[in-house]
Amino acid sequence: MTRPGLGVVGRRLVQFVLDEMLVFVPMLLLAIAVVWLFHPHGLALLTFLEVVLYTMLALDFLGLVFVNVWWPYRHGGQTPAMRWLRLRIETLEGTHPSLGAFVVRDLLMLVDGFAWGLAGIVVMLVTRRRQRFGDVVARTVVVRVPRRPIEESADQAAFPSPDGDLGAVAGAQLALDRADVGLDRRQRNHQ
């Protein structure tokens, strides 16, 4: 496995912010809507705001677990932002990580997130494979996904190539004829 360049670290930082925003912004908008629609008056307001805050934090936590653990486990090692930025989580052997590896990576975000994420950034910059601490323990690595070649569209397949060939097989026959599927009355009467 080749050593990822420093560009992977920058992409990972952008990916982290995008995934966090993907979860946090809807939670914040929901909390604002709940406070705006249902806010009580007087002393009950502080209790209400406290309940909304803790509910928002709990939902945000569950959303982050979903985006950082379940989503990449079910979608080829990519969070939504990783897909946008062409990154993927793999084991050191190049295979898809287990659910346990995704859980370990997410739990150790507590260590990597120390000092506003500087601990994780420093670890990524000094490790050979640009891994954060969670990656090292889970034995995973984040790699860049190469661009896919542009696939042939249906329109391209329908038009002849420059030499005039439509790509058809000369003398093509159906795999089954009328007698094989029982549509020929003459054949059915003789059986």
Protein backbone atom coordinates (compact mmCIF):
# COMPACT_ATOMS: atom_id res chain seq x y z
CA MET A 1 0.00 0.00 0.00
CA THR A 2 1.44 3.34 -0.98
CA ARG A 3 1.64 6.21 1.46
CA PRO A 4 -1.29 8.59 1.00
CA GLY A 5 -0.28 12.18 0.32
CA LEU A 6 -1.03 15.17 2.48
CA GLY A 7 -4.04 15.90 0.27
CA VAL A 8 -5.89 13.04 1.97
CA VAL A 9 -5.58 14.85 5.31
CA GLY A 10 -7.17 17.99 3.87
CA ARG A 11 -9.95 15.98 2.23
CA ARG A 12 -10.58 14.17 5.51
CA LEU A 13 -10.92 17.46 7.36
CA VAL A 14 -13.41 18.78 4.80
CA GLN A 15 -15.25 15.44 4.92
CA PHE A 16 -15.48 15.60 8.72
CA VAL A 17 -16.95 19.11 8.64
CA LEU A 18 -19.45 18.18 5.89
CA ASP A 19 -20.64 15.05 7.73
CA GLU A 20 -20.98 17.00 10.98
CA MET A 21 -22.99 19.70 9.22
CA LEU A 22 -25.16 17.06 7.54
CA VAL A 23 -26.28 15.94 11.00
CA PHE A 24 -26.07 19.16 13.03
CA VAL A 25 -27.86 21.64 10.76
CA PRO A 26 -31.14 19.68 10.55
CA MET A 27 -31.04 19.14 14.34
CA LEU A 28 -30.49 22.85 14.92
CA LEU A 29 -33.33 23.80 12.55
CA LEU A 30 -35.61 21.31 14.30
CA ALA A 31 -34.71 22.73 17.72
CA ILE A 32 -35.35 26.30 16.55
CA ALA A 33 -38.72 25.26 15.11
CA VAL A 34 -39.72 23.47 18.34
CA VAL A 35 -38.73 26.46 20.51
CA TRP A 36 -40.49 28.89 18.18
CA LEU A 37 -43.69 26.84 18.00
CA PHE A 38 -44.02 25.53 21.55
CA HIS A 39 -42.17 27.93 23.85
CA PRO A 40 -43.78 28.45 27.25
CA HIS A 41 -43.56 31.70 29.21
CA GLY A 42 -42.06 32.48 32.59
CA LEU A 43 -39.85 30.10 34.58
CA ALA A 44 -40.96 27.07 32.57
CA LEU A 45 -39.08 28.52 29.59
CA LEU A 46 -35.67 27.64 31.07
CA THR A 47 -36.71 24.05 31.74
CA PHE A 48 -38.19 23.79 28.26
CA LEU A 49 -34.99 25.12 26.65
CA GLU A 50 -32.93 22.70 28.71
CA VAL A 51 -35.05 19.75 27.56
CA VAL A 52 -34.80 20.92 23.94
CA LEU A 53 -31.01 21.29 24.25
CA TYR A 54 -30.47 17.82 25.73
CA THR A 55 -32.86 16.25 23.24
CA MET A 56 -31.01 17.96 20.39
CA LEU A 57 -27.64 16.74 21.72
CA ALA A 58 -28.95 13.17 22.04
CA LEU A 59 -30.39 13.22 18.51
CA ASP A 60 -27.16 14.74 17.20
CA PHE A 61 -25.16 11.95 18.87
CA LEU A 62 -27.43 9.29 17.35
CA GLY A 63 -27.20 11.00 13.96
CA LEU A 64 -23.40 11.02 14.11
CA VAL A 65 -23.30 7.34 15.06
CA PHE A 66 -25.59 6.63 12.10
CA VAL A 67 -23.47 8.68 9.66
CA ASN A 68 -20.06 7.55 10.95
CA VAL A 69 -20.77 3.90 11.79
CA TRP A 70 -23.89 2.44 10.17
CA TRP A 71 -23.86 4.38 6.89
CA PRO A 72 -20.26 3.52 5.87
CA TYR A 73 -20.73 -0.08 7.03
CA ARG A 74 -23.71 -0.44 4.69
CA HIS A 75 -22.39 1.77 1.83
CA GLY A 76 -18.96 0.45 0.89
CA GLY A 77 -16.94 2.23 3.59
CA GLN A 78 -18.10 5.74 2.68
CA THR A 79 -20.01 8.36 4.62
CA PRO A 80 -22.07 10.72 2.43
CA ALA A 81 -19.27 13.32 2.42
CA MET A 82 -16.65 10.65 1.72
CA ARG A 83 -18.61 9.69 -1.38
CA TRP A 84 -18.72 13.34 -2.51
CA LEU A 85 -14.97 13.72 -1.92
CA ARG A 86 -14.03 10.27 -3.28
CA LEU A 87 -12.69 8.82 -0.03
CA ARG A 88 -13.23 5.33 1.40
CA ILE A 89 -12.44 3.48 4.62
CA GLU A 90 -10.65 0.15 4.12
CA THR A 91 -8.80 -2.30 6.31
CA LEU A 92 -5.02 -2.38 6.03
CA GLU A 93 -5.50 -5.43 3.79
CA GLY A 94 -7.74 -3.45 1.42
CA THR A 95 -11.04 -5.11 2.39
CA HIS A 96 -14.30 -3.73 3.79
CA PRO A 97 -14.05 -3.16 7.58
CA SER A 98 -16.29 -4.95 10.05
CA LEU A 99 -19.02 -3.15 11.99
CA GLY A 100 -16.79 -3.43 15.06
CA ALA A 101 -14.00 -1.54 13.28
CA PHE A 102 -16.40 1.31 12.48
CA VAL A 103 -17.54 1.38 16.12
CA VAL A 104 -13.93 1.51 17.38
CA ARG A 105 -13.11 4.34 14.95
CA ASP A 106 -16.13 6.31 16.14
CA LEU A 107 -15.46 5.75 19.86
CA LEU A 108 -11.86 6.85 19.48
CA MET A 109 -13.01 10.10 17.90
CA LEU A 110 -13.05 11.21 21.55
CA VAL A 111 -9.26 10.92 21.55
CA ASP A 112 -8.80 12.29 18.03
CA GLY A 113 -11.12 15.19 18.78
CA PHE A 114 -9.07 16.35 21.77
CA ALA A 115 -8.09 20.04 21.62
CA TRP A 116 -10.67 20.79 18.91
CA GLY A 117 -9.37 18.00 16.68
CA LEU A 118 -5.72 19.01 16.75
CA ALA A 119 -4.73 15.66 18.29
CA GLY A 120 -6.22 13.77 15.35
CA ILE A 121 -4.67 16.13 12.80
CA VAL A 122 -1.21 15.76 14.34
CA VAL A 123 -1.53 11.96 14.45
CA MET A 124 -2.61 11.92 10.77
CA LEU A 125 0.34 14.09 9.78
CA VAL A 126 2.93 11.91 11.53
CA THR A 127 1.65 8.40 10.75
CA ARG A 128 2.91 6.67 7.64
CA ARG A 129 -0.56 5.92 6.27
CA ARG A 130 -2.11 9.25 7.37
CA GLN A 131 -4.23 7.47 9.98
CA ARG A 132 -5.83 9.06 13.00
CA PHE A 133 -5.65 7.20 16.32
CA GLY A 134 -9.03 5.53 15.71
CA ASP A 135 -7.76 4.20 12.38
CA VAL A 136 -4.57 2.85 13.93
CA VAL A 137 -6.45 0.92 16.63
CA ALA A 138 -9.19 -0.31 14.25
CA ARG A 139 -6.53 -1.24 11.65
CA THR A 140 -8.22 0.86 8.97
CA VAL A 141 -7.04 3.48 6.53
CA VAL A 142 -8.84 6.15 4.51
CA VAL A 143 -7.93 6.02 0.81
CA ARG A 144 -8.84 8.05 -2.24
CA VAL A 145 -11.25 6.39 -4.63
CA PRO A 146 -10.13 6.74 -8.26
CA ARG A 147 -12.50 8.39 -10.70
CA ARG A 148 -14.67 5.94 -12.58
CA PRO A 149 -14.32 6.02 -16.34
CA ILE A 150 -17.30 7.56 -18.08
CA GLU A 151 -19.65 4.71 -18.79
CA GLU A 152 -21.18 4.23 -22.19
CA SER A 153 -24.66 5.70 -22.24
CA ALA A 154 -27.64 4.10 -23.96
CA ASP A 155 -27.42 6.74 -26.71
CA GLN A 156 -23.81 5.90 -27.43
CA ALA A 157 -24.61 2.20 -27.75
CA ALA A 158 -27.46 2.91 -30.22
CA PHE A 159 -25.39 4.92 -32.68
CA PRO A 160 -22.93 3.27 -35.03
CA SER A 161 -19.25 3.52 -34.38
CA PRO A 162 -17.09 5.48 -36.87
CA ASP A 163 -16.64 2.37 -39.02
CA GLY A 164 -20.45 2.00 -39.39
CA ASP A 165 -20.69 -1.15 -37.27
CA LEU A 166 -23.69 -1.22 -34.92
CA GLY A 167 -22.10 -3.95 -32.87
CA ALA A 168 -24.72 -6.49 -33.93
CA VAL A 169 -23.84 -10.12 -34.39
CA ALA A 170 -24.23 -11.30 -37.98
CA GLY A 171 -27.08 -13.77 -38.34
CA ALA A 172 -28.23 -13.40 -34.75
CA GLN A 173 -30.93 -15.83 -33.67
CA LEU A 174 -33.23 -15.89 -30.70
CA ALA A 175 -32.27 -18.29 -27.96
CA LEU A 176 -35.77 -19.81 -28.09
CA ASP A 177 -38.00 -20.09 -31.13
CA ARG A 178 -41.82 -20.36 -31.26
CA ALA A 179 -41.81 -24.14 -30.96
CA ASP A 180 -39.60 -24.04 -27.86
CA VAL A 181 -42.03 -21.87 -25.91
CA GLY A 182 -45.19 -23.65 -27.07
CA LEU A 183 -46.56 -20.96 -29.39
CA ASP A 184 -46.58 -23.07 -32.52
CA ARG A 185 -49.99 -24.86 -32.75
CA ARG A 186 -48.74 -27.42 -35.24
CA GLN A 187 -45.99 -28.56 -32.89
CA ARG A 188 -48.38 -28.76 -29.90
CA ASN A 189 -50.94 -30.91 -31.76
CA HIS A 190 -48.33 -33.52 -32.74
CA GLN A 191 -47.15 -34.12 -29.16
